[in-house]
Amino acid sequence: MSDSRTPLYAISVAADLAETSIQNLRSYERHGLVEPGRTEGGTRRYSDHDVTQLLHIRSLLDQGLNIAGVQRVLRLEAEVAGLRASLLRDDAGPADSASGARDSR
């Protein structure tokens, strides 16, 4: 079973899966919205995660955002995800040390 970030799909397949054009995928890459993997020969390979990201980008564009707006939304979403992960780590820390203190008695 492969990881969702394993580069699998050629650009034409990724474009079909994301229901967009190859030119759009290249544009999204130029704008830093997606970063496909590359083969040793330099051929783009898109992962399942990339395709999900492409579908999300398309949805945001369909809602009327421009590329700059999509970039901003994606940055904010990444920031929120990072903050959530930090909060989960912080919440897990005291509970682990408290349970450790109980176990050592």
PDB file of N, CA and C in Angstrom:
ATOM      1  N   MET A   1       0.847  -1.180   0.000  1.00  0.00           N
ATOM      2  CA  MET A   1       0.000   0.000   0.000  1.00  0.00           C
ATOM      3  C   MET A   1       0.890   1.239   0.000  1.00  0.00           C
ATOM      4  N   SER A   2       0.547   2.227  -0.817  1.00  0.00           N
ATOM      5  CA  SER A   2       1.399   3.402  -0.941  1.00  0.00           C
ATOM      6  C   SER A   2       0.913   4.538  -0.046  1.00  0.00           C
ATOM      7  N   ASP A   3       1.842   5.386   0.298  1.00  0.00           N
ATOM      8  CA  ASP A   3       1.569   6.602   1.063  1.00  0.00           C
ATOM      9  C   ASP A   3       0.850   7.584   0.155  1.00  0.00           C
ATOM     10  N   SER A   4      -0.039   8.419   0.709  1.00  0.00           N
ATOM     11  CA  SER A   4      -0.798   9.370  -0.111  1.00  0.00           C
ATOM     12  C   SER A   4       0.111  10.420  -0.759  1.00  0.00           C
ATOM     13  N   ARG A   5       1.352  10.522  -0.296  1.00  0.00           N
ATOM     14  CA  ARG A   5       2.276  11.503  -0.864  1.00  0.00           C
ATOM     15  C   ARG A   5       3.271  10.881  -1.847  1.00  0.00           C
ATOM     16  N   THR A   6       3.101   9.603  -2.143  1.00  0.00           N
ATOM     17  CA  THR A   6       3.973   8.939  -3.105  1.00  0.00           C
ATOM     18  C   THR A   6       3.633   9.419  -4.513  1.00  0.00           C
ATOM     19  N   PRO A   7       4.604   9.975  -5.245  1.00  0.00           N
ATOM     20  CA  PRO A   7       4.338  10.450  -6.608  1.00  0.00           C
ATOM     21  C   PRO A   7       4.007   9.268  -7.532  1.00  0.00           C
ATOM     22  N   LEU A   8       2.812   9.307  -8.128  1.00  0.00           N
ATOM     23  CA  LEU A   8       2.348   8.196  -8.943  1.00  0.00           C
ATOM     24  C   LEU A   8       1.928   8.573 -10.352  1.00  0.00           C
ATOM     25  N   TYR A   9       1.274   9.726 -10.490  1.00  0.00           N
ATOM     26  CA  TYR A   9       0.554  10.046 -11.718  1.00  0.00           C
ATOM     27  C   TYR A   9       1.310  11.032 -12.602  1.00  0.00           C
ATOM     28  N   ALA A  10       1.304  10.730 -13.897  1.00  0.00           N
ATOM     29  CA  ALA A  10       1.826  11.677 -14.876  1.00  0.00           C
ATOM     30  C   ALA A  10       0.900  12.889 -14.910  1.00  0.00           C
ATOM     31  N   ILE A  11       1.385  13.979 -15.470  1.00  0.00           N
ATOM     32  CA  ILE A  11       0.630  15.225 -15.475  1.00  0.00           C
ATOM     33  C   ILE A  11      -0.724  15.077 -16.179  1.00  0.00           C
ATOM     34  N   SER A  12      -0.774  14.302 -17.245  1.00  0.00           N
ATOM     35  CA  SER A  12      -2.046  14.135 -17.968  1.00  0.00           C
ATOM     36  C   SER A  12      -3.073  13.392 -17.112  1.00  0.00           C
ATOM     37  N   VAL A  13      -2.631  12.408 -16.364  1.00  0.00           N
ATOM     38  CA  VAL A  13      -3.533  11.657 -15.488  1.00  0.00           C
ATOM     39  C   VAL A  13      -3.985  12.548 -14.334  1.00  0.00           C
ATOM     40  N   ALA A  14      -3.056  13.284 -13.738  1.00  0.00           N
ATOM     41  CA  ALA A  14      -3.406  14.193 -12.637  1.00  0.00           C
ATOM     42  C   ALA A  14      -4.400  15.245 -13.105  1.00  0.00           C
ATOM     43  N   ALA A  15      -4.210  15.772 -14.312  1.00  0.00           N
ATOM     44  CA  ALA A  15      -5.142  16.763 -14.853  1.00  0.00           C
ATOM     45  C   ALA A  15      -6.529  16.150 -15.009  1.00  0.00           C
ATOM     46  N   ASP A  16      -6.592  14.927 -15.506  1.00  0.00           N
ATOM     47  CA  ASP A  16      -7.892  14.247 -15.629  1.00  0.00           C
ATOM     48  C   ASP A  16      -8.534  14.026 -14.266  1.00  0.00           C
ATOM     49  N   LEU A  17      -7.760  13.554 -13.301  1.00  0.00           N
ATOM     50  CA  LEU A  17      -8.296  13.295 -11.958  1.00  0.00           C
ATOM     51  C   LEU A  17      -8.783  14.573 -11.285  1.00  0.00           C
ATOM     52  N   ALA A  18      -8.076  15.672 -11.539  1.00  0.00           N
ATOM     53  CA  ALA A  18      -8.436  16.960 -10.935  1.00  0.00           C
ATOM     54  C   ALA A  18      -9.436  17.735 -11.792  1.00  0.00           C
ATOM     55  N   GLU A  19      -9.803  17.151 -12.924  1.00  0.00           N
ATOM     56  CA  GLU A  19     -10.775  17.765 -13.826  1.00  0.00           C
ATOM     57  C   GLU A  19     -10.362  19.180 -14.239  1.00  0.00           C
ATOM     58  N   THR A  20      -9.102  19.284 -14.657  1.00  0.00           N
ATOM     59  CA  THR A  20      -8.565  20.559 -15.117  1.00  0.00           C
ATOM     60  C   THR A  20      -7.604  20.288 -16.268  1.00  0.00           C
ATOM     61  N   SER A  21      -6.943  21.311 -16.739  1.00  0.00           N
ATOM     62  CA  SER A  21      -6.032  21.138 -17.870  1.00  0.00           C
ATOM     63  C   SER A  21      -4.579  21.029 -17.407  1.00  0.00           C
ATOM     64  N   ILE A  22      -3.766  20.484 -18.276  1.00  0.00           N
ATOM     65  CA  ILE A  22      -2.336  20.378 -18.010  1.00  0.00           C
ATOM     66  C   ILE A  22      -1.743  21.777 -17.833  1.00  0.00           C
ATOM     67  N   GLN A  23      -2.191  22.731 -18.636  1.00  0.00           N
ATOM     68  CA  GLN A  23      -1.698  24.105 -18.534  1.00  0.00           C
ATOM     69  C   GLN A  23      -1.998  24.677 -17.142  1.00  0.00           C
ATOM     70  N   ASN A  24      -3.176  24.373 -16.596  1.00  0.00           N
ATOM     71  CA  ASN A  24      -3.506  24.852 -15.254  1.00  0.00           C
ATOM     72  C   ASN A  24      -2.562  24.247 -14.215  1.00  0.00           C
ATOM     73  N   LEU A  25      -2.267  22.965 -14.346  1.00  0.00           N
ATOM     74  CA  LEU A  25      -1.353  22.332 -13.387  1.00  0.00           C
ATOM     75  C   LEU A  25       0.012  23.000 -13.418  1.00  0.00           C
ATOM     76  N   ARG A  26       0.489  23.297 -14.610  1.00  0.00           N
ATOM     77  CA  ARG A  26       1.783  23.978 -14.727  1.00  0.00           C
ATOM     78  C   ARG A  26       1.721  25.375 -14.106  1.00  0.00           C
ATOM     79  N   SER A  27       0.614  26.058 -14.313  1.00  0.00           N
ATOM     80  CA  SER A  27       0.429  27.389 -13.722  1.00  0.00           C
ATOM     81  C   SER A  27       0.385  27.310 -12.195  1.00  0.00           C
ATOM     82  N   TYR A  28      -0.346  26.332 -11.673  1.00  0.00           N
ATOM     83  CA  TYR A  28      -0.432  26.178 -10.213  1.00  0.00           C
ATOM     84  C   TYR A  28       0.956  25.906  -9.630  1.00  0.00           C
ATOM     85  N   GLU A  29       1.750  25.116 -10.341  1.00  0.00           N
ATOM     86  CA  GLU A  29       3.107  24.838  -9.880  1.00  0.00           C
ATOM     87  C   GLU A  29       3.953  26.110  -9.901  1.00  0.00           C
ATOM     88  N   ARG A  30       3.861  26.897 -10.974  1.00  0.00           N
ATOM     89  CA  ARG A  30       4.620  28.155 -11.062  1.00  0.00           C
ATOM     90  C   ARG A  30       4.269  29.095  -9.911  1.00  0.00           C
ATOM     91  N   HIS A  31       3.011  29.075  -9.486  1.00  0.00           N
ATOM     92  CA  HIS A  31       2.555  29.943  -8.396  1.00  0.00           C
ATOM     93  C   HIS A  31       2.773  29.319  -7.008  1.00  0.00           C
ATOM     94  N   GLY A  32       3.360  28.138  -6.963  1.00  0.00           N
ATOM     95  CA  GLY A  32       3.670  27.501  -5.687  1.00  0.00           C
ATOM     96  C   GLY A  32       2.470  26.875  -4.989  1.00  0.00           C
ATOM     97  N   LEU A  33       1.399  26.620  -5.738  1.00  0.00           N
ATOM     98  CA  LEU A  33       0.200  26.032  -5.126  1.00  0.00           C
ATOM     99  C   LEU A  33       0.309  24.525  -4.974  1.00  0.00           C
ATOM    100  N   VAL A  34       1.130  23.910  -5.782  1.00  0.00           N
ATOM    101  CA  VAL A  34       1.351  22.465  -5.725  1.00  0.00           C
ATOM    102  C   VAL A  34       2.789  22.201  -6.136  1.00  0.00           C
ATOM    103  N   GLU A  35       3.379  21.181  -5.554  1.00  0.00           N
ATOM    104  CA  GLU A  35       4.773  20.844  -5.871  1.00  0.00           C
ATOM    105  C   GLU A  35       4.872  19.349  -6.141  1.00  0.00           C
ATOM    106  N   PRO A  36       4.676  18.961  -7.405  1.00  0.00           N
ATOM    107  CA  PRO A  36       4.730  17.531  -7.722  1.00  0.00           C
ATOM    108  C   PRO A  36       6.152  16.990  -7.577  1.00  0.00           C
ATOM    109  N   GLY A  37       6.211  15.683  -7.374  1.00  0.00           N
ATOM    110  CA  GLY A  37       7.513  15.029  -7.369  1.00  0.00           C
ATOM    111  C   GLY A  37       8.075  15.014  -8.782  1.00  0.00           C
ATOM    112  N   ARG A  38       9.315  14.655  -8.901  1.00  0.00           N
ATOM    113  CA  ARG A  38       9.975  14.569 -10.209  1.00  0.00           C
ATOM    114  C   ARG A  38      10.722  13.247 -10.307  1.00  0.00           C
ATOM    115  N   THR A  39      10.698  12.687 -11.500  1.00  0.00           N
ATOM    116  CA  THR A  39      11.516  11.504 -11.760  1.00  0.00           C
ATOM    117  C   THR A  39      12.953  11.969 -11.956  1.00  0.00           C
ATOM    118  N   GLU A  40      13.872  11.026 -12.076  1.00  0.00           N
ATOM    119  CA  GLU A  40      15.272  11.392 -12.325  1.00  0.00           C
ATOM    120  C   GLU A  40      15.401  12.185 -13.614  1.00  0.00           C
ATOM    121  N   GLY A  41      14.522  11.923 -14.571  1.00  0.00           N
ATOM    122  CA  GLY A  41      14.551  12.637 -15.844  1.00  0.00           C
ATOM    123  C   GLY A  41      13.825  13.968 -15.811  1.00  0.00           C
ATOM    124  N   GLY A  42      13.219  14.303 -14.676  1.00  0.00           N
ATOM    125  CA  GLY A  42      12.558  15.595 -14.533  1.00  0.00           C
ATOM    126  C   GLY A  42      11.069  15.590 -14.833  1.00  0.00           C
ATOM    127  N   THR A  43      10.495  14.426 -15.112  1.00  0.00           N
ATOM    128  CA  THR A  43       9.069  14.338 -15.400  1.00  0.00           C
ATOM    129  C   THR A  43       8.262  14.510 -14.121  1.00  0.00           C
ATOM    130  N   ARG A  44       7.220  15.334 -14.194  1.00  0.00           N
ATOM    131  CA  ARG A  44       6.363  15.545 -13.029  1.00  0.00           C
ATOM    132  C   ARG A  44       5.603  14.271 -12.697  1.00  0.00           C
ATOM    133  N   ARG A  45       5.464  14.007 -11.398  1.00  0.00           N
ATOM    134  CA  ARG A  45       4.645  12.907 -10.905  1.00  0.00           C
ATOM    135  C   ARG A  45       3.829  13.442  -9.728  1.00  0.00           C
ATOM    136  N   TYR A  46       2.527  13.264  -9.813  1.00  0.00           N
ATOM    137  CA  TYR A  46       1.610  13.772  -8.804  1.00  0.00           C
ATOM    138  C   TYR A  46       1.140  12.644  -7.893  1.00  0.00           C
ATOM    139  N   SER A  47       1.016  12.938  -6.617  1.00  0.00           N
ATOM    140  CA  SER A  47       0.543  11.971  -5.627  1.00  0.00           C
ATOM    141  C   SER A  47      -0.962  12.123  -5.422  1.00  0.00           C
ATOM    142  N   ASP A  48      -1.543  11.195  -4.664  1.00  0.00           N
ATOM    143  CA  ASP A  48      -2.956  11.330  -4.297  1.00  0.00           C
ATOM    144  C   ASP A  48      -3.177  12.621  -3.508  1.00  0.00           C
ATOM    145  N   HIS A  49      -2.224  12.964  -2.644  1.00  0.00           N
ATOM    146  CA  HIS A  49      -2.310  14.213  -1.886  1.00  0.00           C
ATOM    147  C   HIS A  49      -2.322  15.420  -2.822  1.00  0.00           C
ATOM    148  N   ASP A  50      -1.466  15.394  -3.838  1.00  0.00           N
ATOM    149  CA  ASP A  50      -1.426  16.481  -4.824  1.00  0.00           C
ATOM    150  C   ASP A  50      -2.767  16.614  -5.539  1.00  0.00           C
ATOM    151  N   VAL A  51      -3.350  15.484  -5.940  1.00  0.00           N
ATOM    152  CA  VAL A  51      -4.635  15.517  -6.641  1.00  0.00           C
ATOM    153  C   VAL A  51      -5.715  16.100  -5.736  1.00  0.00           C
ATOM    154  N   THR A  52      -5.718  15.717  -4.470  1.00  0.00           N
ATOM    155  CA  THR A  52      -6.671  16.287  -3.511  1.00  0.00           C
ATOM    156  C   THR A  52      -6.467  17.790  -3.404  1.00  0.00           C
ATOM    157  N   GLN A  53      -5.218  18.221  -3.346  1.00  0.00           N
ATOM    158  CA  GLN A  53      -4.890  19.646  -3.293  1.00  0.00           C
ATOM    159  C   GLN A  53      -5.370  20.361  -4.561  1.00  0.00           C
ATOM    160  N   LEU A  54      -5.182  19.733  -5.709  1.00  0.00           N
ATOM    161  CA  LEU A  54      -5.628  20.317  -6.974  1.00  0.00           C
ATOM    162  C   LEU A  54      -7.146  20.485  -7.010  1.00  0.00           C
ATOM    163  N   LEU A  55      -7.865  19.496  -6.494  1.00  0.00           N
ATOM    164  CA  LEU A  55      -9.328  19.593  -6.432  1.00  0.00           C
ATOM    165  C   LEU A  55      -9.751  20.733  -5.504  1.00  0.00           C
ATOM    166  N   HIS A  56      -9.026  20.898  -4.414  1.00  0.00           N
ATOM    167  CA  HIS A  56      -9.308  21.990  -3.469  1.00  0.00           C
ATOM    168  C   HIS A  56      -9.041  23.348  -4.133  1.00  0.00           C
ATOM    169  N   ILE A  57      -7.937  23.446  -4.847  1.00  0.00           N
ATOM    170  CA  ILE A  57      -7.595  24.679  -5.567  1.00  0.00           C
ATOM    171  C   ILE A  57      -8.690  25.005  -6.575  1.00  0.00           C
ATOM    172  N   ARG A  58      -9.102  23.998  -7.324  1.00  0.00           N
ATOM    173  CA  ARG A  58     -10.152  24.218  -8.314  1.00  0.00           C
ATOM    174  C   ARG A  58     -11.442  24.692  -7.656  1.00  0.00           C
ATOM    175  N   SER A  59     -11.783  24.113  -6.514  1.00  0.00           N
ATOM    176  CA  SER A  59     -12.975  24.519  -5.783  1.00  0.00           C
ATOM    177  C   SER A  59     -12.885  25.983  -5.342  1.00  0.00           C
ATOM    178  N   LEU A  60     -11.721  26.384  -4.840  1.00  0.00           N
ATOM    179  CA  LEU A  60     -11.535  27.776  -4.420  1.00  0.00           C
ATOM    180  C   LEU A  60     -11.645  28.731  -5.611  1.00  0.00           C
ATOM    181  N   LEU A  61     -11.058  28.344  -6.731  1.00  0.00           N
ATOM    182  CA  LEU A  61     -11.150  29.172  -7.935  1.00  0.00           C
ATOM    183  C   LEU A  61     -12.604  29.260  -8.420  1.00  0.00           C
ATOM    184  N   ASP A  62     -13.309  28.137  -8.355  1.00  0.00           N
ATOM    185  CA  ASP A  62     -14.726  28.123  -8.758  1.00  0.00           C
ATOM    186  C   ASP A  62     -15.582  29.018  -7.867  1.00  0.00           C
ATOM    187  N   GLN A  63     -15.134  29.229  -6.631  1.00  0.00           N
ATOM    188  CA  GLN A  63     -15.861  30.097  -5.701  1.00  0.00           C
ATOM    189  C   GLN A  63     -15.554  31.574  -5.938  1.00  0.00           C
ATOM    190  N   GLY A  64     -14.666  31.859  -6.888  1.00  0.00           N
ATOM    191  CA  GLY A  64     -14.396  33.241  -7.249  1.00  0.00           C
ATOM    192  C   GLY A  64     -13.070  33.802  -6.776  1.00  0.00           C
ATOM    193  N   LEU A  65     -12.266  33.005  -6.076  1.00  0.00           N
ATOM    194  CA  LEU A  65     -10.958  33.497  -5.656  1.00  0.00           C
ATOM    195  C   LEU A  65     -10.019  33.538  -6.854  1.00  0.00           C
ATOM    196  N   ASN A  66      -9.082  34.475  -6.812  1.00  0.00           N
ATOM    197  CA  ASN A  66      -8.020  34.484  -7.813  1.00  0.00           C
ATOM    198  C   ASN A  66      -6.828  33.711  -7.239  1.00  0.00           C
ATOM    199  N   ILE A  67      -5.764  33.610  -8.016  1.00  0.00           N
ATOM    200  CA  ILE A  67      -4.597  32.832  -7.573  1.00  0.00           C
ATOM    201  C   ILE A  67      -4.030  33.372  -6.264  1.00  0.00           C
ATOM    202  N   ALA A  68      -3.950  34.689  -6.127  1.00  0.00           N
ATOM    203  CA  ALA A  68      -3.431  35.278  -4.883  1.00  0.00           C
ATOM    204  C   ALA A  68      -4.327  34.904  -3.706  1.00  0.00           C
ATOM    205  N   GLY A  69      -5.624  34.895  -3.924  1.00  0.00           N
ATOM    206  CA  GLY A  69      -6.556  34.503  -2.861  1.00  0.00           C
ATOM    207  C   GLY A  69      -6.386  33.045  -2.490  1.00  0.00           C
ATOM    208  N   VAL A  70      -6.192  32.195  -3.482  1.00  0.00           N
ATOM    209  CA  VAL A  70      -5.974  30.771  -3.226  1.00  0.00           C
ATOM    210  C   VAL A  70      -4.679  30.582  -2.443  1.00  0.00           C
ATOM    211  N   GLN A  71      -3.626  31.302  -2.833  1.00  0.00           N
ATOM    212  CA  GLN A  71      -2.363  31.210  -2.095  1.00  0.00           C
ATOM    213  C   GLN A  71      -2.564  31.571  -0.631  1.00  0.00           C
ATOM    214  N   ARG A  72      -3.311  32.631  -0.387  1.00  0.00           N
ATOM    215  CA  ARG A  72      -3.555  33.095   0.980  1.00  0.00           C
ATOM    216  C   ARG A  72      -4.345  32.057   1.778  1.00  0.00           C
ATOM    217  N   VAL A  73      -5.390  31.514   1.170  1.00  0.00           N
ATOM    218  CA  VAL A  73      -6.203  30.498   1.845  1.00  0.00           C
ATOM    219  C   VAL A  73      -5.344  29.280   2.183  1.00  0.00           C
ATOM    220  N   LEU A  74      -4.540  28.817   1.239  1.00  0.00           N
ATOM    221  CA  LEU A  74      -3.711  27.646   1.491  1.00  0.00           C
ATOM    222  C   LEU A  74      -2.692  27.902   2.602  1.00  0.00           C
ATOM    223  N   ARG A  75      -2.110  29.112   2.619  1.00  0.00           N
ATOM    224  CA  ARG A  75      -1.171  29.460   3.711  1.00  0.00           C
ATOM    225  C   ARG A  75      -1.885  29.471   5.056  1.00  0.00           C
ATOM    226  N   LEU A  76      -3.079  30.061   5.093  1.00  0.00           N
ATOM    227  CA  LEU A  76      -3.832  30.110   6.346  1.00  0.00           C
ATOM    228  C   LEU A  76      -4.243  28.709   6.807  1.00  0.00           C
ATOM    229  N   GLU A  77      -4.652  27.877   5.874  1.00  0.00           N
ATOM    230  CA  GLU A  77      -5.011  26.501   6.232  1.00  0.00           C
ATOM    231  C   GLU A  77      -3.808  25.744   6.793  1.00  0.00           C
ATOM    232  N   ALA A  78      -2.653  25.950   6.191  1.00  0.00           N
ATOM    233  CA  ALA A  78      -1.435  25.300   6.696  1.00  0.00           C
ATOM    234  C   ALA A  78      -1.088  25.817   8.090  1.00  0.00           C
ATOM    235  N   GLU A  79      -1.262  27.114   8.299  1.00  0.00           N
ATOM    236  CA  GLU A  79      -0.988  27.702   9.609  1.00  0.00           C
ATOM    237  C   GLU A  79      -1.939  27.141  10.666  1.00  0.00           C
ATOM    238  N   VAL A  80      -3.204  27.043  10.341  1.00  0.00           N
ATOM    239  CA  VAL A  80      -4.187  26.486  11.275  1.00  0.00           C
ATOM    240  C   VAL A  80      -3.837  25.034  11.603  1.00  0.00           C
ATOM    241  N   ALA A  81      -3.479  24.253  10.581  1.00  0.00           N
ATOM    242  CA  ALA A  81      -3.105  22.855  10.811  1.00  0.00           C
ATOM    243  C   ALA A  81      -1.887  22.767  11.734  1.00  0.00           C
ATOM    244  N   GLY A  82      -0.910  23.642  11.527  1.00  0.00           N
ATOM    245  CA  GLY A  82       0.265  23.664  12.395  1.00  0.00           C
ATOM    246  C   GLY A  82      -0.079  24.029  13.828  1.00  0.00           C
ATOM    247  N   LEU A  83      -0.956  25.004  13.995  1.00  0.00           N
ATOM    248  CA  LEU A  83      -1.383  25.398  15.339  1.00  0.00           C
ATOM    249  C   LEU A  83      -2.145  24.276  16.034  1.00  0.00           C
ATOM    250  N   ARG A  84      -3.009  23.600  15.277  1.00  0.00           N
ATOM    251  CA  ARG A  84      -3.747  22.460  15.858  1.00  0.00           C
ATOM    252  C   ARG A  84      -2.792  21.371  16.302  1.00  0.00           C
ATOM    253  N   ALA A  85      -1.818  21.062  15.461  1.00  0.00           N
ATOM    254  CA  ALA A  85      -0.836  20.034  15.813  1.00  0.00           C
ATOM    255  C   ALA A  85      -0.062  20.440  17.061  1.00  0.00           C
ATOM    256  N   SER A  86       0.287  21.713  17.153  1.00  0.00           N
ATOM    257  CA  SER A  86       1.001  22.213  18.326  1.00  0.00           C
ATOM    258  C   SER A  86       0.150  22.081  19.583  1.00  0.00           C
ATOM    259  N   LEU A  87      -1.119  22.429  19.462  1.00  0.00           N
ATOM    260  CA  LEU A  87      -2.020  22.300  20.603  1.00  0.00           C
ATOM    261  C   LEU A  87      -2.165  20.848  21.037  1.00  0.00           C
ATOM    262  N   LEU A  88      -2.256  19.948  20.086  1.00  0.00           N
ATOM    263  CA  LEU A  88      -2.372  18.532  20.418  1.00  0.00           C
ATOM    264  C   LEU A  88      -1.116  18.033  21.119  1.00  0.00           C
ATOM    265  N   ARG A  89       0.055  18.500  20.653  1.00  0.00           N
ATOM    266  CA  ARG A  89       1.308  18.114  21.319  1.00  0.00           C
ATOM    267  C   ARG A  89       1.334  18.667  22.739  1.00  0.00           C
ATOM    268  N   ASP A  90       0.928  19.932  22.889  1.00  0.00           N
ATOM    269  CA  ASP A  90       0.918  20.549  24.216  1.00  0.00           C
ATOM    270  C   ASP A  90      -0.055  19.846  25.149  1.00  0.00           C
ATOM    271  N   ASP A  91      -1.218  19.467  24.621  1.00  0.00           N
ATOM    272  CA  ASP A  91      -2.212  18.759  25.435  1.00  0.00           C
ATOM    273  C   ASP A  91      -1.716  17.378  25.823  1.00  0.00           C
ATOM    274  N   ALA A  92      -0.984  16.717  24.961  1.00  0.00           N
ATOM    275  CA  ALA A  92      -0.485  15.378  25.239  1.00  0.00           C
ATOM    276  C   ALA A  92       0.663  15.417  26.245  1.00  0.00           C
ATOM    277  N   GLY A  93       1.450  16.472  26.234  1.00  0.00           N
ATOM    278  CA  GLY A  93       2.617  16.566  27.122  1.00  0.00           C
ATOM    279  C   GLY A  93       2.278  16.470  28.596  1.00  0.00           C
ATOM    280  N   PRO A  94       1.453  17.362  29.147  1.00  0.00           N
ATOM    281  CA  PRO A  94       1.144  17.303  30.572  1.00  0.00           C
ATOM    282  C   PRO A  94       0.447  16.016  30.974  1.00  0.00           C
ATOM    283  N   ALA A  95      -0.411  15.473  30.127  1.00  0.00           N
ATOM    284  CA  ALA A  95      -1.116  14.238  30.454  1.00  0.00           C
ATOM    285  C   ALA A  95      -0.129  13.088  30.560  1.00  0.00           C
ATOM    286  N   ASP A  96       0.866  13.067  29.661  1.00  0.00           N
ATOM    287  CA  ASP A  96       1.866  12.009  29.706  1.00  0.00           C
ATOM    288  C   ASP A  96       2.707  12.114  30.973  1.00  0.00           C
ATOM    289  N   SER A  97       3.110  13.332  31.322  1.00  0.00           N
ATOM    290  CA  SER A  97       3.954  13.479  32.505  1.00  0.00           C
ATOM    291  C   SER A  97       3.129  13.235  33.776  1.00  0.00           C
ATOM    292  N   ALA A  98       1.855  13.592  33.764  1.00  0.00           N
ATOM    293  CA  ALA A  98       1.013  13.335  34.925  1.00  0.00           C
ATOM    294  C   ALA A  98       0.793  11.842  35.111  1.00  0.00           C
ATOM    295  N   SER A  99       0.576  11.116  34.034  1.00  0.00           N
ATOM    296  CA  SER A  99       0.384   9.677  34.159  1.00  0.00           C
ATOM    297  C   SER A  99       1.704   8.999  34.561  1.00  0.00           C
ATOM    298  N   GLY A 100       2.811   9.561  34.093  1.00  0.00           N
ATOM    299  CA  GLY A 100       4.109   9.024  34.486  1.00  0.00           C
ATOM    300  C   GLY A 100       4.351   9.202  35.966  1.00  0.00           C
ATOM    301  N   ALA A 101       3.914  10.351  36.507  1.00  0.00           N
ATOM    302  CA  ALA A 101       4.076  10.602  37.930  1.00  0.00           C
ATOM    303  C   ALA A 101       3.239   9.633  38.731  1.00  0.00           C
ATOM    304  N   ARG A 102       2.052   9.325  38.266  1.00  0.00           N
ATOM    305  CA  ARG A 102       1.191   8.371  38.976  1.00  0.00           C
ATOM    306  C   ARG A 102       1.789   6.971  38.920  1.00  0.00           C
ATOM    307  N   ASP A 103       2.391   6.607  37.805  1.00  0.00           N
ATOM    308  CA  ASP A 103       2.951   5.273  37.666  1.00  0.00           C
ATOM    309  C   ASP A 103       4.176   5.068  38.548  1.00  0.00           C
ATOM    310  N   SER A 104       4.892   6.147  38.862  1.00  0.00           N
ATOM    311  CA  SER A 104       6.130   5.994  39.614  1.00  0.00           C
ATOM    312  C   SER A 104       5.898   5.929  41.124  1.00  0.00           C
ATOM    313  N   ARG A 105       4.671   6.124  41.563  1.00  0.00           N
ATOM    314  CA  ARG A 105       4.413   6.073  43.004  1.00  0.00           C
ATOM    315  C   ARG A 105       4.448   4.699  43.553  1.00  0.00           C
TER     316      ARG A 105
END
